[in-house]
Amino acid sequence: MSAVRLTALVRGRVQMVGFRVFAEQVAAQIERERKAEISGWVRNLADGASVEIVAEGRRSELEALLEELRIGPPMALVRAVDVEWGEAAGGLGPFGLRY
């Protein structure tokens, strides 16, 4: 199966609640459980109310990641998730935090 790119903008109470670390942990868990690779990053945006995720991998793993992003960690309140799918471009490196 070929890789795809997921770009997601998560809005709501998603900063200062551990959302980035949550996303990183979920991606790592999916990689372990499914023996798959997810590359990319997660970062807070300057607006103080949104988090951006760019990830590449198999669509099934990215859909599993997206499902968890729609929920978020316990202190988060996800109000909306804007999603864009595209072709993988590569060069993202292991999934992690971006500042």
PDB file of N, CA and C in Angstrom:
ATOM      1  N   MET A   1       0.841  -1.183   0.000  1.00  0.00           N
ATOM      2  CA  MET A   1       0.000   0.000   0.000  1.00  0.00           C
ATOM      3  C   MET A   1       0.885   1.245   0.000  1.00  0.00           C
ATOM      4  N   SER A   2       0.558   2.227  -0.794  1.00  0.00           N
ATOM      5  CA  SER A   2       1.386   3.422  -0.873  1.00  0.00           C
ATOM      6  C   SER A   2       1.019   4.421   0.224  1.00  0.00           C
ATOM      7  N   ALA A   3       1.974   5.276   0.519  1.00  0.00           N
ATOM      8  CA  ALA A   3       1.798   6.273   1.578  1.00  0.00           C
ATOM      9  C   ALA A   3       0.973   7.453   1.077  1.00  0.00           C
ATOM     10  N   VAL A   4       0.266   8.068   2.012  1.00  0.00           N
ATOM     11  CA  VAL A   4      -0.499   9.287   1.753  1.00  0.00           C
ATOM     12  C   VAL A   4      -0.114  10.317   2.811  1.00  0.00           C
ATOM     13  N   ARG A   5      -0.530  11.544   2.590  1.00  0.00           N
ATOM     14  CA  ARG A   5      -0.271  12.620   3.552  1.00  0.00           C
ATOM     15  C   ARG A   5      -1.582  13.100   4.152  1.00  0.00           C
ATOM     16  N   LEU A   6      -1.587  13.209   5.465  1.00  0.00           N
ATOM     17  CA  LEU A   6      -2.709  13.778   6.213  1.00  0.00           C
ATOM     18  C   LEU A   6      -2.265  15.126   6.760  1.00  0.00           C
ATOM     19  N   THR A   7      -3.039  16.149   6.488  1.00  0.00           N
ATOM     20  CA  THR A   7      -2.841  17.445   7.128  1.00  0.00           C
ATOM     21  C   THR A   7      -4.123  17.734   7.895  1.00  0.00           C
ATOM     22  N   ALA A   8      -3.983  17.928   9.209  1.00  0.00           N
ATOM     23  CA  ALA A   8      -5.157  18.158  10.054  1.00  0.00           C
ATOM     24  C   ALA A   8      -4.949  19.400  10.897  1.00  0.00           C
ATOM     25  N   LEU A   9      -5.979  20.200  11.005  1.00  0.00           N
ATOM     26  CA  LEU A   9      -5.993  21.376  11.861  1.00  0.00           C
ATOM     27  C   LEU A   9      -7.053  21.119  12.930  1.00  0.00           C
ATOM     28  N   VAL A  10      -6.601  20.965  14.165  1.00  0.00           N
ATOM     29  CA  VAL A  10      -7.492  20.660  15.281  1.00  0.00           C
ATOM     30  C   VAL A  10      -7.707  21.950  16.061  1.00  0.00           C
ATOM     31  N   ARG A  11      -8.982  22.311  16.261  1.00  0.00           N
ATOM     32  CA  ARG A  11      -9.303  23.566  16.944  1.00  0.00           C
ATOM     33  C   ARG A  11     -10.131  23.314  18.185  1.00  0.00           C
ATOM     34  N   GLY A  12     -10.008  24.224  19.129  1.00  0.00           N
ATOM     35  CA  GLY A  12     -10.733  24.133  20.393  1.00  0.00           C
ATOM     36  C   GLY A  12      -9.778  24.417  21.540  1.00  0.00           C
ATOM     37  N   ARG A  13     -10.025  23.764  22.684  1.00  0.00           N
ATOM     38  CA  ARG A  13      -9.078  23.882  23.810  1.00  0.00           C
ATOM     39  C   ARG A  13      -8.062  22.755  23.615  1.00  0.00           C
ATOM     40  N   VAL A  14      -7.046  23.039  22.790  1.00  0.00           N
ATOM     41  CA  VAL A  14      -6.077  22.017  22.405  1.00  0.00           C
ATOM     42  C   VAL A  14      -4.631  22.426  22.684  1.00  0.00           C
ATOM     43  N   GLN A  15      -4.448  23.597  23.251  1.00  0.00           N
ATOM     44  CA  GLN A  15      -3.114  24.009  23.673  1.00  0.00           C
ATOM     45  C   GLN A  15      -3.074  24.060  25.198  1.00  0.00           C
ATOM     46  N   MET A  16      -1.901  23.746  25.757  1.00  0.00           N
ATOM     47  CA  MET A  16      -1.698  23.730  27.213  1.00  0.00           C
ATOM     48  C   MET A  16      -2.488  22.605  27.892  1.00  0.00           C
ATOM     49  N   VAL A  17      -2.825  21.561  27.134  1.00  0.00           N
ATOM     50  CA  VAL A  17      -3.549  20.410  27.692  1.00  0.00           C
ATOM     51  C   VAL A  17      -2.856  19.096  27.336  1.00  0.00           C
ATOM     52  N   GLY A  18      -1.629  19.169  26.809  1.00  0.00           N
ATOM     53  CA  GLY A  18      -0.890  17.965  26.448  1.00  0.00           C
ATOM     54  C   GLY A  18      -1.276  17.356  25.121  1.00  0.00           C
ATOM     55  N   PHE A  19      -1.883  18.146  24.245  1.00  0.00           N
ATOM     56  CA  PHE A  19      -2.370  17.595  22.978  1.00  0.00           C
ATOM     57  C   PHE A  19      -1.233  17.112  22.083  1.00  0.00           C
ATOM     58  N   ARG A  20      -0.154  17.876  21.998  1.00  0.00           N
ATOM     59  CA  ARG A  20       0.960  17.479  21.125  1.00  0.00           C
ATOM     60  C   ARG A  20       1.588  16.170  21.585  1.00  0.00           C
ATOM     61  N   VAL A  21       1.823  16.052  22.886  1.00  0.00           N
ATOM     62  CA  VAL A  21       2.401  14.816  23.429  1.00  0.00           C
ATOM     63  C   VAL A  21       1.431  13.657  23.222  1.00  0.00           C
ATOM     64  N   PHE A  22       0.146  13.919  23.408  1.00  0.00           N
ATOM     65  CA  PHE A  22      -0.890  12.910  23.154  1.00  0.00           C
ATOM     66  C   PHE A  22      -0.795  12.408  21.715  1.00  0.00           C
ATOM     67  N   ALA A  23      -0.718  13.324  20.752  1.00  0.00           N
ATOM     68  CA  ALA A  23      -0.642  12.945  19.338  1.00  0.00           C
ATOM     69  C   ALA A  23       0.615  12.120  19.072  1.00  0.00           C
ATOM     70  N   GLU A  24       1.722  12.517  19.664  1.00  0.00           N
ATOM     71  CA  GLU A  24       2.983  11.793  19.493  1.00  0.00           C
ATOM     72  C   GLU A  24       2.864  10.373  20.064  1.00  0.00           C
ATOM     73  N   GLN A  25       2.246  10.245  21.224  1.00  0.00           N
ATOM     74  CA  GLN A  25       2.088   8.934  21.854  1.00  0.00           C
ATOM     75  C   GLN A  25       1.137   8.041  21.061  1.00  0.00           C
ATOM     76  N   VAL A  26       0.065   8.612  20.556  1.00  0.00           N
ATOM     77  CA  VAL A  26      -0.881   7.829  19.747  1.00  0.00           C
ATOM     78  C   VAL A  26      -0.192   7.322  18.479  1.00  0.00           C
ATOM     79  N   ALA A  27       0.575   8.180  17.816  1.00  0.00           N
ATOM     80  CA  ALA A  27       1.282   7.758  16.604  1.00  0.00           C
ATOM     81  C   ALA A  27       2.247   6.618  16.926  1.00  0.00           C
ATOM     82  N   ALA A  28       2.973   6.731  18.035  1.00  0.00           N
ATOM     83  CA  ALA A  28       3.915   5.675  18.433  1.00  0.00           C
ATOM     84  C   ALA A  28       3.180   4.372  18.736  1.00  0.00           C
ATOM     85  N   GLN A  29       2.038   4.469  19.379  1.00  0.00           N
ATOM     86  CA  GLN A  29       1.250   3.270  19.702  1.00  0.00           C
ATOM     87  C   GLN A  29       0.755   2.585  18.430  1.00  0.00           C
ATOM     88  N   ILE A  30       0.280   3.364  17.486  1.00  0.00           N
ATOM     89  CA  ILE A  30      -0.186   2.812  16.213  1.00  0.00           C
ATOM     90  C   ILE A  30       0.980   2.133  15.491  1.00  0.00           C
ATOM     91  N   GLU A  31       2.142   2.767  15.503  1.00  0.00           N
ATOM     92  CA  GLU A  31       3.317   2.176  14.864  1.00  0.00           C
ATOM     93  C   GLU A  31       3.656   0.822  15.494  1.00  0.00           C
ATOM     94  N   ARG A  32       3.642   0.758  16.819  1.00  0.00           N
ATOM     95  CA  ARG A  32       3.966  -0.496  17.519  1.00  0.00           C
ATOM     96  C   ARG A  32       2.935  -1.584  17.224  1.00  0.00           C
ATOM     97  N   GLU A  33       1.663  -1.229  17.387  1.00  0.00           N
ATOM     98  CA  GLU A  33       0.602  -2.224  17.247  1.00  0.00           C
ATOM     99  C   GLU A  33       0.449  -2.736  15.820  1.00  0.00           C
ATOM    100  N   ARG A  34       0.651  -1.872  14.862  1.00  0.00           N
ATOM    101  CA  ARG A  34       0.411  -2.249  13.463  1.00  0.00           C
ATOM    102  C   ARG A  34       1.694  -2.484  12.685  1.00  0.00           C
ATOM    103  N   LYS A  35       2.831  -2.363  13.378  1.00  0.00           N
ATOM    104  CA  LYS A  35       4.132  -2.537  12.718  1.00  0.00           C
ATOM    105  C   LYS A  35       4.194  -1.674  11.452  1.00  0.00           C
ATOM    106  N   ALA A  36       3.912  -0.402  11.642  1.00  0.00           N
ATOM    107  CA  ALA A  36       3.846   0.548  10.536  1.00  0.00           C
ATOM    108  C   ALA A  36       4.677   1.771  10.881  1.00  0.00           C
ATOM    109  N   GLU A  37       4.955   2.573   9.906  1.00  0.00           N
ATOM    110  CA  GLU A  37       5.680   3.827  10.127  1.00  0.00           C
ATOM    111  C   GLU A  37       4.758   5.001   9.862  1.00  0.00           C
ATOM    112  N   ILE A  38       4.813   5.959  10.777  1.00  0.00           N
ATOM    113  CA  ILE A  38       4.140   7.239  10.587  1.00  0.00           C
ATOM    114  C   ILE A  38       5.218   8.300  10.718  1.00  0.00           C
ATOM    115  N   SER A  39       5.352   9.121   9.718  1.00  0.00           N
ATOM    116  CA  SER A  39       6.315  10.222   9.771  1.00  0.00           C
ATOM    117  C   SER A  39       5.547  11.527   9.852  1.00  0.00           C
ATOM    118  N   GLY A  40       6.213  12.560  10.325  1.00  0.00           N
ATOM    119  CA  GLY A  40       5.568  13.874  10.369  1.00  0.00           C
ATOM    120  C   GLY A  40       5.757  14.587  11.675  1.00  0.00           C
ATOM    121  N   TRP A  41       4.838  15.503  11.967  1.00  0.00           N
ATOM    122  CA  TRP A  41       4.975  16.341  13.146  1.00  0.00           C
ATOM    123  C   TRP A  41       3.643  16.911  13.598  1.00  0.00           C
ATOM    124  N   VAL A  42       3.668  17.425  14.824  1.00  0.00           N
ATOM    125  CA  VAL A  42       2.521  18.114  15.416  1.00  0.00           C
ATOM    126  C   VAL A  42       3.046  19.387  16.058  1.00  0.00           C
ATOM    127  N   ARG A  43       2.328  20.484  15.896  1.00  0.00           N
ATOM    128  CA  ARG A  43       2.773  21.753  16.490  1.00  0.00           C
ATOM    129  C   ARG A  43       1.579  22.616  16.867  1.00  0.00           C
ATOM    130  N   ASN A  44       1.797  23.462  17.884  1.00  0.00           N
ATOM    131  CA  ASN A  44       0.820  24.487  18.241  1.00  0.00           C
ATOM    132  C   ASN A  44       0.926  25.616  17.228  1.00  0.00           C
ATOM    133  N   LEU A  45      -0.198  26.231  16.919  1.00  0.00           N
ATOM    134  CA  LEU A  45      -0.182  27.413  16.059  1.00  0.00           C
ATOM    135  C   LEU A  45      -0.265  28.667  16.928  1.00  0.00           C
ATOM    136  N   ALA A  46       0.168  29.769  16.371  1.00  0.00           N
ATOM    137  CA  ALA A  46       0.277  31.024  17.123  1.00  0.00           C
ATOM    138  C   ALA A  46      -1.059  31.577  17.586  1.00  0.00           C
ATOM    139  N   ASP A  47      -2.172  31.100  17.045  1.00  0.00           N
ATOM    140  CA  ASP A  47      -3.485  31.620  17.441  1.00  0.00           C
ATOM    141  C   ASP A  47      -3.893  31.208  18.855  1.00  0.00           C
ATOM    142  N   GLY A  48      -3.161  30.262  19.460  1.00  0.00           N
ATOM    143  CA  GLY A  48      -3.459  29.832  20.821  1.00  0.00           C
ATOM    144  C   GLY A  48      -4.640  28.879  20.945  1.00  0.00           C
ATOM    145  N   ALA A  49      -5.254  28.527  19.825  1.00  0.00           N
ATOM    146  CA  ALA A  49      -6.457  27.693  19.882  1.00  0.00           C
ATOM    147  C   ALA A  49      -6.470  26.571  18.850  1.00  0.00           C
ATOM    148  N   SER A  50      -5.319  26.284  18.259  1.00  0.00           N
ATOM    149  CA  SER A  50      -5.303  25.213  17.267  1.00  0.00           C
ATOM    150  C   SER A  50      -3.951  24.517  17.230  1.00  0.00           C
ATOM    151  N   VAL A  51      -4.001  23.281  16.764  1.00  0.00           N
ATOM    152  CA  VAL A  51      -2.827  22.436  16.623  1.00  0.00           C
ATOM    153  C   VAL A  51      -2.835  21.901  15.195  1.00  0.00           C
ATOM    154  N   GLU A  52      -1.669  21.902  14.561  1.00  0.00           N
ATOM    155  CA  GLU A  52      -1.540  21.396  13.194  1.00  0.00           C
ATOM    156  C   GLU A  52      -0.774  20.077  13.217  1.00  0.00           C
ATOM    157  N   ILE A  53      -1.259  19.122  12.460  1.00  0.00           N
ATOM    158  CA  ILE A  53      -0.622  17.818  12.331  1.00  0.00           C
ATOM    159  C   ILE A  53      -0.392  17.545  10.853  1.00  0.00           C
ATOM    160  N   VAL A  54       0.833  17.187  10.516  1.00  0.00           N
ATOM    161  CA  VAL A  54       1.153  16.719   9.169  1.00  0.00           C
ATOM    162  C   VAL A  54       1.774  15.348   9.348  1.00  0.00           C
ATOM    163  N   ALA A  55       1.184  14.345   8.724  1.00  0.00           N
ATOM    164  CA  ALA A  55       1.670  12.983   8.895  1.00  0.00           C
ATOM    165  C   ALA A  55       1.578  12.223   7.583  1.00  0.00           C
ATOM    166  N   GLU A  56       2.530  11.321   7.395  1.00  0.00           N
ATOM    167  CA  GLU A  56       2.522  10.454   6.224  1.00  0.00           C
ATOM    168  C   GLU A  56       2.639   9.005   6.663  1.00  0.00           C
ATOM    169  N   GLY A  57       1.975   8.144   5.917  1.00  0.00           N
ATOM    170  CA  GLY A  57       1.989   6.715   6.174  1.00  0.00           C
ATOM    171  C   GLY A  57       0.863   6.070   5.398  1.00  0.00           C
ATOM    172  N   ARG A  58       0.554   4.843   5.764  1.00  0.00           N
ATOM    173  CA  ARG A  58      -0.580   4.177   5.120  1.00  0.00           C
ATOM    174  C   ARG A  58      -1.874   4.834   5.599  1.00  0.00           C
ATOM    175  N   ARG A  59      -2.826   4.928   4.706  1.00  0.00           N
ATOM    176  CA  ARG A  59      -4.072   5.619   5.037  1.00  0.00           C
ATOM    177  C   ARG A  59      -4.770   5.003   6.244  1.00  0.00           C
ATOM    178  N   SER A  60      -4.762   3.690   6.364  1.00  0.00           N
ATOM    179  CA  SER A  60      -5.447   3.054   7.497  1.00  0.00           C
ATOM    180  C   SER A  60      -4.850   3.488   8.834  1.00  0.00           C
ATOM    181  N   GLU A  61      -3.535   3.606   8.926  1.00  0.00           N
ATOM    182  CA  GLU A  61      -2.902   4.063  10.164  1.00  0.00           C
ATOM    183  C   GLU A  61      -3.193   5.541  10.419  1.00  0.00           C
ATOM    184  N   LEU A  62      -3.189   6.341   9.366  1.00  0.00           N
ATOM    185  CA  LEU A  62      -3.476   7.765   9.539  1.00  0.00           C
ATOM    186  C   LEU A  62      -4.931   7.998   9.915  1.00  0.00           C
ATOM    187  N   GLU A  63      -5.830   7.168   9.418  1.00  0.00           N
ATOM    188  CA  GLU A  63      -7.236   7.276   9.827  1.00  0.00           C
ATOM    189  C   GLU A  63      -7.395   6.919  11.302  1.00  0.00           C
ATOM    190  N   ALA A  64      -6.622   5.930  11.778  1.00  0.00           N
ATOM    191  CA  ALA A  64      -6.648   5.587  13.204  1.00  0.00           C
ATOM    192  C   ALA A  64      -6.123   6.752  14.045  1.00  0.00           C
ATOM    193  N   LEU A  65      -5.065   7.405  13.569  1.00  0.00           N
ATOM    194  CA  LEU A  65      -4.528   8.588  14.257  1.00  0.00           C
ATOM    195  C   LEU A  65      -5.574   9.695  14.278  1.00  0.00           C
ATOM    196  N   LEU A  66      -6.195   9.940  13.157  1.00  0.00           N
ATOM    197  CA  LEU A  66      -7.202  10.990  13.043  1.00  0.00           C
ATOM    198  C   LEU A  66      -8.378  10.744  13.987  1.00  0.00           C
ATOM    199  N   GLU A  67      -8.788   9.505  14.124  1.00  0.00           N
ATOM    200  CA  GLU A  67      -9.883   9.156  15.022  1.00  0.00           C
ATOM    201  C   GLU A  67      -9.556   9.579  16.455  1.00  0.00           C
ATOM    202  N   GLU A  68      -8.320   9.337  16.876  1.00  0.00           N
ATOM    203  CA  GLU A  68      -7.896   9.729  18.223  1.00  0.00           C
ATOM    204  C   GLU A  68      -7.733  11.245  18.355  1.00  0.00           C
ATOM    205  N   LEU A  69      -7.286  11.902  17.288  1.00  0.00           N
ATOM    206  CA  LEU A  69      -7.141  13.366  17.316  1.00  0.00           C
ATOM    207  C   LEU A  69      -8.495  14.037  17.503  1.00  0.00           C
ATOM    208  N   ARG A  70      -9.536  13.439  16.976  1.00  0.00           N
ATOM    209  CA  ARG A  70     -10.887  14.006  17.122  1.00  0.00           C
ATOM    210  C   ARG A  70     -11.369  13.952  18.567  1.00  0.00           C
ATOM    211  N   ILE A  71     -10.788  13.067  19.364  1.00  0.00           N
ATOM    212  CA  ILE A  71     -11.134  12.940  20.782  1.00  0.00           C
ATOM    213  C   ILE A  71     -10.192  13.780  21.637  1.00  0.00           C
ATOM    214  N   GLY A  72      -8.890  13.580  21.436  1.00  0.00           N
ATOM    215  CA  GLY A  72      -7.883  14.314  22.188  1.00  0.00           C
ATOM    216  C   GLY A  72      -7.676  13.766  23.589  1.00  0.00           C
ATOM    217  N   PRO A  73      -6.721  14.350  24.318  1.00  0.00           N
ATOM    218  CA  PRO A  73      -6.461  13.925  25.691  1.00  0.00           C
ATOM    219  C   PRO A  73      -7.579  14.410  26.627  1.00  0.00           C
ATOM    220  N   PRO A  74      -7.603  13.908  27.869  1.00  0.00           N
ATOM    221  CA  PRO A  74      -8.716  14.215  28.785  1.00  0.00           C
ATOM    222  C   PRO A  74      -9.006  15.708  29.000  1.00  0.00           C
ATOM    223  N   MET A  75      -8.007  16.559  29.073  1.00  0.00           N
ATOM    224  CA  MET A  75      -8.230  17.986  29.353  1.00  0.00           C
ATOM    225  C   MET A  75      -8.587  18.802  28.105  1.00  0.00           C
ATOM    226  N   ALA A  76      -8.501  18.201  26.938  1.00  0.00           N
ATOM    227  CA  ALA A  76      -8.789  18.916  25.691  1.00  0.00           C
ATOM    228  C   ALA A  76     -10.288  18.964  25.414  1.00  0.00           C
ATOM    229  N   LEU A  77     -10.662  19.937  24.625  1.00  0.00           N
ATOM    230  CA  LEU A  77     -12.020  20.027  24.107  1.00  0.00           C
ATOM    231  C   LEU A  77     -11.897  20.317  22.611  1.00  0.00           C
ATOM    232  N   VAL A  78     -12.000  19.264  21.823  1.00  0.00           N
ATOM    233  CA  VAL A  78     -11.867  19.398  20.370  1.00  0.00           C
ATOM    234  C   VAL A  78     -13.193  19.886  19.813  1.00  0.00           C
ATOM    235  N   ARG A  79     -13.168  21.046  19.192  1.00  0.00           N
ATOM    236  CA  ARG A  79     -14.382  21.629  18.620  1.00  0.00           C
ATOM    237  C   ARG A  79     -14.517  21.328  17.130  1.00  0.00           C
ATOM    238  N   ALA A  80     -13.386  21.238  16.427  1.00  0.00           N
ATOM    239  CA  ALA A  80     -13.431  20.978  14.984  1.00  0.00           C
ATOM    240  C   ALA A  80     -12.088  20.426  14.528  1.00  0.00           C
ATOM    241  N   VAL A  81     -12.148  19.614  13.479  1.00  0.00           N
ATOM    242  CA  VAL A  81     -10.934  19.090  12.857  1.00  0.00           C
ATOM    243  C   VAL A  81     -11.097  19.247  11.348  1.00  0.00           C
ATOM    244  N   ASP A  82     -10.253  20.076  10.763  1.00  0.00           N
ATOM    245  CA  ASP A  82     -10.229  20.239   9.311  1.00  0.00           C
ATOM    246  C   ASP A  82      -9.192  19.271   8.765  1.00  0.00           C
ATOM    247  N   VAL A  83      -9.565  18.502   7.757  1.00  0.00           N
ATOM    248  CA  VAL A  83      -8.715  17.430   7.245  1.00  0.00           C
ATOM    249  C   VAL A  83      -8.481  17.607   5.753  1.00  0.00           C
ATOM    250  N   GLU A  84      -7.244  17.378   5.357  1.00  0.00           N
ATOM    251  CA  GLU A  84      -6.893  17.383   3.941  1.00  0.00           C
ATOM    252  C   GLU A  84      -6.024  16.158   3.673  1.00  0.00           C
ATOM    253  N   TRP A  85      -6.359  15.404   2.647  1.00  0.00           N
ATOM    254  CA  TRP A  85      -5.582  14.240   2.242  1.00  0.00           C
ATOM    255  C   TRP A  85      -4.842  14.578   0.957  1.00  0.00           C
ATOM    256  N   GLY A  86      -3.638  14.047   0.821  1.00  0.00           N
ATOM    257  CA  GLY A  86      -2.866  14.276  -0.392  1.00  0.00           C
ATOM    258  C   GLY A  86      -1.843  13.178  -0.596  1.00  0.00           C
ATOM    259  N   GLU A  87      -1.027  13.374  -1.605  1.00  0.00           N
ATOM    260  CA  GLU A  87       0.040  12.418  -1.893  1.00  0.00           C
ATOM    261  C   GLU A  87       1.197  12.644  -0.934  1.00  0.00           C
ATOM    262  N   ALA A  88       1.833  11.572  -0.521  1.00  0.00           N
ATOM    263  CA  ALA A  88       3.006  11.675   0.344  1.00  0.00           C
ATOM    264  C   ALA A  88       4.145  12.318  -0.437  1.00  0.00           C
ATOM    265  N   ALA A  89       4.855  13.219   0.220  1.00  0.00           N
ATOM    266  CA  ALA A  89       5.992  13.887  -0.403  1.00  0.00           C
ATOM    267  C   ALA A  89       7.318  13.406   0.179  1.00  0.00           C
ATOM    268  N   GLY A  90       7.255  12.757   1.352  1.00  0.00           N
ATOM    269  CA  GLY A  90       8.474  12.266   1.992  1.00  0.00           C
ATOM    270  C   GLY A  90       9.240  13.366   2.702  1.00  0.00           C
ATOM    271  N   GLY A  91      10.330  12.976   3.328  1.00  0.00           N
ATOM    272  CA  GLY A  91      11.227  13.934   3.967  1.00  0.00           C
ATOM    273  C   GLY A  91      10.775  14.472   5.307  1.00  0.00           C
ATOM    274  N   LEU A  92       9.777  13.868   5.942  1.00  0.00           N
ATOM    275  CA  LEU A  92       9.270  14.404   7.200  1.00  0.00           C
ATOM    276  C   LEU A  92      10.005  13.887   8.429  1.00  0.00           C
ATOM    277  N   GLY A  93      10.604  12.732   8.349  1.00  0.00           N
ATOM    278  CA  GLY A  93      11.280  12.145   9.499  1.00  0.00           C
ATOM    279  C   GLY A  93      10.295  11.510  10.457  1.00  0.00           C
ATOM    280  N   PRO A  94      10.812  10.904  11.537  1.00  0.00           N
ATOM    281  CA  PRO A  94       9.933  10.249  12.512  1.00  0.00           C
ATOM    282  C   PRO A  94       8.915  11.231  13.099  1.00  0.00           C
ATOM    283  N   PHE A  95       7.726  10.737  13.408  1.00  0.00           N
ATOM    284  CA  PHE A  95       6.675  11.604  13.945  1.00  0.00           C
ATOM    285  C   PHE A  95       7.100  12.160  15.286  1.00  0.00           C
ATOM    286  N   GLY A  96       6.993  13.483  15.435  1.00  0.00           N
ATOM    287  CA  GLY A  96       7.396  14.102  16.699  1.00  0.00           C
ATOM    288  C   GLY A  96       6.872  15.511  16.824  1.00  0.00           C
ATOM    289  N   LEU A  97       7.283  16.143  17.902  1.00  0.00           N
ATOM    290  CA  LEU A  97       6.860  17.512  18.212  1.00  0.00           C
ATOM    291  C   LEU A  97       7.659  18.509  17.383  1.00  0.00           C
ATOM    292  N   ARG A  98       6.986  19.538  16.960  1.00  0.00           N
ATOM    293  CA  ARG A  98       7.643  20.653  16.273  1.00  0.00           C
ATOM    294  C   ARG A  98       7.289  21.910  17.050  1.00  0.00           C
ATOM    295  N   TYR A  99       8.271  22.755  17.224  1.00  0.00           N
ATOM    296  CA  TYR A  99       8.065  23.987  18.020  1.00  0.00           C
ATOM    297  C   TYR A  99       8.064  25.209  17.139  1.00  0.00           C
TER     298      TYR A  99
END
